[in-house]
Amino acid sequence: SGSGLQDRVAFVQNDPSQYDASIRLADLQVSDTGTYQCRVKKNTVAVHEVIVTVQEKPATPQCWTEGELIEGSSILLRCYSR
């Protein structure tokens, strides 16, 4: 029920009745995080749940040095990313 998910989900095989009802989620978004349930009904009903967690890509890190660039001395390289 994610926003626009119906436009981005499709069966991997054209005919899921041939025992492969795998799906592909395209263009994952953070809002797609959630519990997904697969229900297969033939003679009985089988249910399996999968938890999907989509993490946001980190921002480009900002890096800088602290200390003097002198041979034999120590220098500190600092990096930060949101």
Protein backbone atom coordinates (compact mmCIF):
# COMPACT_ATOMS: atom_id res chain seq x y z
CA SER A 1 0.00 0.00 0.00
CA GLY A 2 3.04 2.26 -0.34
CA SER A 3 2.78 5.42 -2.37
CA GLY A 4 2.81 4.49 -6.07
CA LEU A 5 3.95 0.95 -5.26
CA GLN A 6 1.45 -0.66 -7.65
CA ASP A 7 3.25 0.99 -10.57
CA ARG A 8 6.61 -0.40 -9.40
CA VAL A 9 5.79 -4.01 -8.53
CA ALA A 10 5.61 -6.94 -10.97
CA PHE A 11 5.83 -10.71 -10.98
CA VAL A 12 9.29 -12.02 -11.91
CA GLN A 13 7.75 -14.73 -14.09
CA ASN A 14 4.92 -13.88 -16.49
CA ASP A 15 2.70 -16.68 -15.17
CA PRO A 16 2.79 -17.01 -11.35
CA SER A 17 0.53 -20.08 -11.52
CA GLN A 18 3.64 -22.01 -12.64
CA TYR A 19 4.83 -22.17 -8.99
CA ASP A 20 6.94 -19.00 -8.91
CA ALA A 21 5.08 -16.00 -7.54
CA SER A 22 8.23 -13.99 -6.83
CA ILE A 23 7.84 -10.24 -7.22
CA ARG A 24 10.25 -7.45 -8.08
CA LEU A 25 10.00 -4.05 -6.41
CA ALA A 26 11.49 -1.40 -8.68
CA ASP A 27 12.92 1.98 -7.67
CA LEU A 28 12.84 1.32 -3.90
CA GLN A 29 12.03 4.28 -1.70
CA VAL A 30 12.33 4.79 2.05
CA SER A 31 8.51 4.84 2.19
CA ASP A 32 8.49 1.21 0.91
CA THR A 33 9.80 0.03 4.30
CA GLY A 34 7.32 -2.33 5.88
CA THR A 35 6.08 -5.88 6.27
CA TYR A 36 5.10 -7.61 3.05
CA GLN A 37 2.92 -10.71 3.05
CA CYS A 38 2.86 -13.44 0.45
CA ARG A 39 -0.29 -15.57 0.37
CA VAL A 40 -0.36 -18.60 -1.88
CA LYS A 41 -3.57 -20.52 -2.33
CA LYS A 42 -3.70 -23.88 -4.08
CA ASN A 43 -5.45 -26.58 -2.05
CA THR A 44 -4.52 -24.83 1.18
CA VAL A 45 -3.36 -21.32 1.99
CA ALA A 46 0.29 -20.65 2.84
CA VAL A 47 1.35 -17.30 4.22
CA HIS A 48 4.86 -15.89 4.60
CA GLU A 49 5.86 -12.43 5.80
CA VAL A 50 9.02 -10.56 4.86
CA ILE A 51 10.20 -7.37 6.55
CA VAL A 52 11.77 -4.94 4.09
CA THR A 53 13.84 -2.03 5.40
CA VAL A 54 14.92 0.56 2.85
CA GLN A 55 17.67 2.83 4.11
CA GLU A 56 18.33 6.25 2.73
CA LYS A 57 21.55 6.83 0.81
CA PRO A 58 23.89 8.96 2.93
CA ALA A 59 24.82 12.44 1.84
CA THR A 60 28.24 13.04 0.29
CA PRO A 61 30.76 13.17 3.13
CA GLN A 62 32.60 16.35 4.02
CA CYS A 63 36.26 15.67 4.78
CA TRP A 64 39.10 17.81 6.11
CA THR A 65 42.48 17.44 7.79
CA GLU A 66 43.63 18.68 11.17
CA GLY A 67 47.32 19.11 11.90
CA GLU A 68 50.35 20.13 9.92
CA LEU A 69 51.55 18.06 7.00
CA ILE A 70 55.05 17.43 8.30
CA GLU A 71 56.87 14.18 7.58
CA GLY A 72 56.96 12.01 10.69
CA SER A 73 54.20 13.89 12.50
CA SER A 74 50.60 12.83 13.01
CA ILE A 75 47.62 14.18 11.11
CA LEU A 76 43.93 13.69 11.67
CA LEU A 77 41.56 13.10 8.74
CA ARG A 78 37.98 13.90 9.68
CA CYS A 79 34.91 12.95 7.66
CA TYR A 80 31.29 13.68 8.39
CA SER A 81 28.07 12.69 6.65
CA ARG A 82 24.44 13.16 7.57
